[in-house]
Amino acid sequence: MEPSSPDEARDDRADRAAQNEAVFRRVNERLEDVNEAFQVATDTAEFICECAKIECAERVEMTLSKYEAVRRVPTHFFVKPDHVLPEEERIVERQTQYVVVEKFGRAGERARQLDPRDG
């Protein structure tokens, strides 16, 4: 079914983006579990970019404590600097390999609803 208005089309895009990001977040939750088992050897871990592009598999390296700091806020995601969607997210932190974005509006609502740690 085609969206009936530009606002509806924007909401549909936001929903698809949130669902894609939720997939990467679930993958990263599993990667965190694996990396915690090896934390004695190293405090850094590789995660998958949490952008909206379902075909993206770019890696992001960060400490487990940094990952947890990002995850504490359900609307925060880490993405490669050129993967930001300015119409749905704002940059709240910049690092060399990645930026932390905050989802807002419909995308923020969906991010909270799809957070695997919330429920």
Protein backbone atom coordinates (compact mmCIF):
# COMPACT_ATOMS: atom_id res chain seq x y z
CA MET A 1 0.00 0.00 0.00
CA GLU A 2 1.35 3.41 -0.99
CA PRO A 3 1.64 6.12 1.70
CA SER A 4 -1.13 8.71 1.33
CA SER A 5 0.94 11.71 2.42
CA PRO A 6 4.56 12.85 2.75
CA ASP A 7 4.24 12.54 6.54
CA GLU A 8 3.07 8.94 6.22
CA ALA A 9 5.94 8.16 3.84
CA ARG A 10 8.39 9.68 6.31
CA ASP A 11 6.89 7.59 9.13
CA ASP A 12 7.20 4.45 6.98
CA ARG A 13 10.89 5.22 6.31
CA ALA A 14 11.47 5.87 10.01
CA ASP A 15 9.82 2.54 10.88
CA ARG A 16 11.95 0.61 8.38
CA ALA A 17 15.10 2.35 9.60
CA ALA A 18 14.26 1.57 13.23
CA GLN A 19 13.63 -2.08 12.41
CA ASN A 20 16.95 -2.35 10.56
CA GLU A 21 18.80 -0.70 13.45
CA ALA A 22 17.09 -3.02 15.91
CA VAL A 23 18.50 -5.99 13.97
CA PHE A 24 22.04 -4.63 14.36
CA ARG A 25 21.42 -3.85 18.02
CA ARG A 26 20.41 -7.48 18.66
CA VAL A 27 23.54 -8.69 16.85
CA ASN A 28 25.66 -6.34 18.95
CA GLU A 29 24.04 -7.56 22.15
CA ARG A 30 25.23 -11.08 21.25
CA LEU A 31 28.68 -9.78 20.31
CA GLU A 32 28.89 -8.09 23.69
CA ASP A 33 28.16 -11.42 25.40
CA VAL A 34 30.96 -13.10 23.44
CA ASN A 35 33.39 -10.24 24.04
CA GLU A 36 32.70 -10.21 27.77
CA ALA A 37 33.99 -13.78 27.92
CA PHE A 38 37.32 -12.53 26.54
CA GLN A 39 37.47 -9.31 28.54
CA VAL A 40 40.42 -10.61 30.56
CA ALA A 41 42.49 -10.58 27.37
CA THR A 42 41.24 -7.28 25.97
CA ASP A 43 38.82 -4.50 26.88
CA THR A 44 38.12 -3.56 23.27
CA ALA A 45 35.63 -5.30 21.05
CA GLU A 46 34.31 -5.12 17.51
CA PHE A 47 30.66 -4.33 16.93
CA ILE A 48 28.55 -3.78 13.81
CA CYS A 49 27.55 -0.27 12.73
CA GLU A 50 24.00 0.34 13.96
CA CYS A 51 22.89 2.42 10.98
CA ALA A 52 19.63 2.01 9.07
CA LYS A 53 21.26 0.37 6.03
CA ILE A 54 20.38 -3.33 6.28
CA GLU A 55 23.26 -4.21 3.93
CA CYS A 56 25.83 -2.44 6.16
CA ALA A 57 28.27 -4.71 7.96
CA GLU A 58 30.98 -2.18 8.77
CA ARG A 59 32.81 -2.82 12.01
CA VAL A 60 33.24 -0.38 14.85
CA GLU A 61 35.82 -0.96 17.57
CA MET A 62 35.21 0.36 21.09
CA THR A 63 35.61 -0.65 24.69
CA LEU A 64 32.91 -2.69 26.36
CA SER A 65 32.35 0.13 28.84
CA LYS A 66 31.82 2.60 25.97
CA TYR A 67 29.34 0.21 24.36
CA GLU A 68 27.44 0.02 27.64
CA ALA A 69 27.43 3.82 27.93
CA VAL A 70 25.81 4.11 24.49
CA ARG A 71 23.33 1.30 25.24
CA ARG A 72 22.15 2.91 28.47
CA VAL A 73 20.06 5.30 26.35
CA PRO A 74 17.61 3.39 24.13
CA THR A 75 17.57 6.18 21.52
CA HIS A 76 21.38 6.27 21.14
CA PHE A 77 23.14 4.30 18.41
CA PHE A 78 26.70 4.27 17.09
CA VAL A 79 27.15 4.59 13.36
CA LYS A 80 29.93 5.33 10.90
CA PRO A 81 30.22 9.12 10.39
CA ASP A 82 28.82 8.99 6.85
CA HIS A 83 25.82 6.82 7.87
CA VAL A 84 23.91 9.52 9.80
CA LEU A 85 20.29 10.24 8.80
CA PRO A 86 19.90 13.95 9.74
CA GLU A 87 16.11 13.88 9.29
CA GLU A 88 15.80 11.25 12.07
CA GLU A 89 18.89 11.55 14.27
CA ARG A 90 21.34 14.09 15.66
CA ILE A 91 24.99 13.55 16.52
CA VAL A 92 25.58 13.68 20.27
CA GLU A 93 29.20 12.47 20.31
CA ARG A 94 32.03 12.19 17.78
CA GLN A 95 34.82 9.62 17.86
CA THR A 96 37.43 8.81 15.23
CA GLN A 97 35.75 5.61 13.96
CA TYR A 98 32.11 6.40 14.71
CA VAL A 99 29.57 8.90 15.94
CA VAL A 100 26.87 8.39 18.54
CA VAL A 101 23.49 9.54 17.31
CA GLU A 102 20.26 10.19 19.15
CA LYS A 103 17.05 9.20 17.39
CA PHE A 104 14.21 11.71 17.67
CA GLY A 105 10.55 11.95 16.67
CA ARG A 106 8.97 8.79 15.27
CA ALA A 107 12.39 7.13 14.94
CA GLY A 108 13.09 7.76 18.64
CA GLU A 109 9.74 6.28 19.63
CA ARG A 110 10.39 3.17 17.53
CA ALA A 111 13.92 2.81 18.93
CA ARG A 112 12.50 2.74 22.48
CA GLN A 113 9.80 0.22 21.45
CA LEU A 114 12.29 -2.10 19.74
CA ASP A 115 15.02 -1.96 22.41
CA PRO A 116 15.84 -5.61 23.25
CA ARG A 117 16.68 -4.64 26.84
CA ASP A 118 13.27 -3.09 27.46
CA GLY A 119 10.94 -5.91 28.13
